[in-house]
Protein backbone atom coordinates (compact mmCIF):
# COMPACT_ATOMS: atom_id res chain seq x y z
CA MET A 1 17.96 23.44 6.54
CA LYS A 2 16.74 20.18 4.97
CA VAL A 3 17.14 17.31 7.41
CA ALA A 4 16.66 13.57 7.36
CA VAL A 5 15.44 12.70 10.81
CA ASP A 6 16.47 9.70 12.91
CA THR A 7 13.98 7.75 15.01
CA ASN A 8 15.39 8.98 18.30
CA ILE A 9 14.58 12.58 17.37
CA LEU A 10 10.92 11.68 16.75
CA VAL A 11 10.75 9.64 19.95
CA ARG A 12 12.18 12.45 22.08
CA ALA A 13 9.77 14.99 20.53
CA VAL A 14 6.74 12.78 21.21
CA VAL A 15 7.58 11.04 24.48
CA ARG A 16 9.40 13.99 26.06
CA ASP A 17 11.20 11.73 28.53
CA ASP A 18 14.45 13.71 28.42
CA PRO A 19 13.73 17.43 28.82
CA LYS A 20 16.95 18.68 27.21
CA GLN A 21 16.86 16.32 24.21
CA SER A 22 13.09 16.75 23.83
CA GLU A 23 13.45 20.52 23.51
CA ILE A 24 16.26 20.20 20.96
CA ALA A 25 14.28 17.60 18.98
CA ALA A 26 11.10 19.70 18.92
CA LYS A 27 12.98 22.82 17.81
CA THR A 28 14.75 20.87 15.06
CA LEU A 29 11.47 19.46 13.73
CA ILE A 30 9.80 22.87 13.72
CA LYS A 31 12.71 24.85 12.28
CA ALA A 32 13.59 22.45 9.46
CA GLU A 33 12.79 23.82 6.02
CA VAL A 34 12.18 20.23 4.91
CA LEU A 35 11.94 17.29 7.26
CA VAL A 36 12.56 14.01 5.44
CA VAL A 37 11.14 11.02 7.31
CA GLY A 38 12.13 7.66 5.87
CA ILE A 39 9.72 4.76 6.01
CA SER A 40 12.22 2.68 8.02
CA CYS A 41 12.37 5.53 10.54
CA LEU A 42 8.59 5.42 10.94
CA CYS A 43 8.59 1.64 11.29
CA GLU A 44 11.17 1.89 14.04
CA PHE A 45 9.30 4.84 15.62
CA ALA A 46 6.07 2.82 15.80
CA TRP A 47 7.92 -0.18 17.23
CA VAL A 48 9.68 1.88 19.93
CA LEU A 49 6.48 3.64 20.97
CA ARG A 50 4.64 0.32 21.24
CA ARG A 51 7.31 -1.90 22.78
CA ALA A 52 9.37 0.49 24.89
CA TYR A 53 6.68 2.98 25.93
CA GLY A 54 3.49 0.91 25.78
CA TYR A 55 1.64 3.18 23.36
CA ARG A 56 -1.55 1.76 21.90
CA PRO A 57 -1.87 1.53 18.10
CA SER A 58 -4.36 4.42 18.06
CA ALA A 59 -1.90 6.70 19.90
CA ILE A 60 0.92 5.71 17.55
CA ALA A 61 -1.30 6.40 14.53
CA ALA A 62 -2.21 9.80 15.99
CA ALA A 63 1.46 10.69 16.47
CA ILE A 64 2.32 9.70 12.90
CA ARG A 65 -0.67 11.60 11.50
CA GLU A 66 0.28 14.70 13.47
CA LEU A 67 3.79 14.51 12.08
CA LEU A 68 2.51 14.16 8.52
CA GLU A 69 0.23 17.17 8.94
CA ALA A 70 3.26 19.42 9.40
CA GLY A 71 3.80 21.39 6.21
CA ASN A 72 7.51 20.63 6.04
CA VAL A 73 7.41 16.80 6.08
CA GLU A 74 8.39 14.64 3.12
CA ALA A 75 7.59 10.93 3.37
CA ASN A 76 6.46 8.03 1.21
CA ARG A 77 2.81 8.81 1.88
CA PRO A 78 1.26 5.71 0.23
CA ALA A 79 3.50 3.43 2.31
CA VAL A 80 2.71 5.43 5.44
CA GLU A 81 -1.02 5.16 4.72
CA ALA A 82 -0.66 1.38 4.41
CA GLY A 83 1.06 1.29 7.79
CA LEU A 84 -1.60 3.52 9.31
CA ALA A 85 -4.33 1.23 7.99
CA MET A 86 -2.74 -1.63 9.93
CA LEU A 87 -2.44 0.49 13.08
CA ASP A 88 -6.09 1.52 12.74
CA ALA A 89 -6.99 -2.19 12.60
CA GLY A 90 -4.94 -2.83 15.77
CA GLY A 91 -1.93 -4.32 14.01
CA ASP A 92 1.68 -3.37 13.40
CA PHE A 93 2.64 -0.39 11.27
CA ALA A 94 5.57 -2.27 9.70
CA ASP A 95 3.35 -5.11 8.44
CA GLY A 96 1.28 -2.66 6.40
CA VAL A 97 4.40 -0.99 5.03
CA ILE A 98 6.05 -4.30 4.15
CA ALA A 99 2.95 -5.51 2.31
CA TYR A 100 2.63 -2.19 0.45
CA GLU A 101 6.28 -2.07 -0.60
CA GLY A 102 6.17 -5.72 -1.60
CA GLN A 103 3.29 -5.03 -3.98
CA TRP A 104 4.96 -1.86 -5.23
CA LEU A 105 8.07 -3.88 -6.07
CA GLY A 106 6.04 -6.49 -7.95
CA GLY A 107 5.12 -9.03 -5.32
CA GLU A 108 1.70 -10.57 -5.80
CA THR A 109 1.07 -12.09 -2.35
CA PHE A 110 2.26 -11.13 1.12
CA VAL A 111 3.37 -14.27 2.98
CA SER A 112 4.05 -14.56 6.69
CA PHE A 113 3.97 -16.82 9.74
CA ASP A 114 2.12 -13.96 11.51
CA ARG A 115 -1.55 -15.04 11.50
CA LYS A 116 -2.82 -11.70 12.78
CA ALA A 117 -0.99 -9.71 10.09
CA VAL A 118 -2.25 -12.02 7.33
CA GLU A 119 -5.84 -11.80 8.56
CA MET A 120 -5.71 -8.00 8.85
CA LEU A 121 -4.21 -7.59 5.40
CA LYS A 122 -6.79 -9.93 3.87
CA ALA A 123 -9.53 -7.86 5.53
CA GLN A 124 -8.07 -4.82 3.74
CA GLY A 125 -8.21 -6.59 0.39
CA VAL A 126 -4.48 -7.37 0.22
CA ALA A 127 -3.47 -10.75 -1.19
CA ALA A 128 -1.92 -12.48 1.82
CA ARG A 129 -1.20 -16.04 2.81
CA LEU A 130 -0.22 -17.69 6.09
CA LEU A 131 2.68 -20.13 5.71
């Protein structure tokens, strides 16, 4: 079966805070012929792990990398890599994804009120400006 996965499935499989749902989630991820993971799903996944469960950016990055290493996963890899670069720098996954997709869609400069995100993106060579 080819499945598009929702954030709560990924969270249950990683956090394992509900034994019944965690088992179902893990089996679904493993048994899927193709597991389609949307970029918005990964943004939400990173946010939930950080805000609701207190995961550090390095642990979130490790969980995302482990998911991507599965042979059955389809994802927008360049956007995911941009998000992972932000996590590796201690920032938010979504900021990297937003900057990447903005450039991909023709934007020349990432703008934000988030000083940390702008500084991190600039350090990665991304055109970014604090408003």
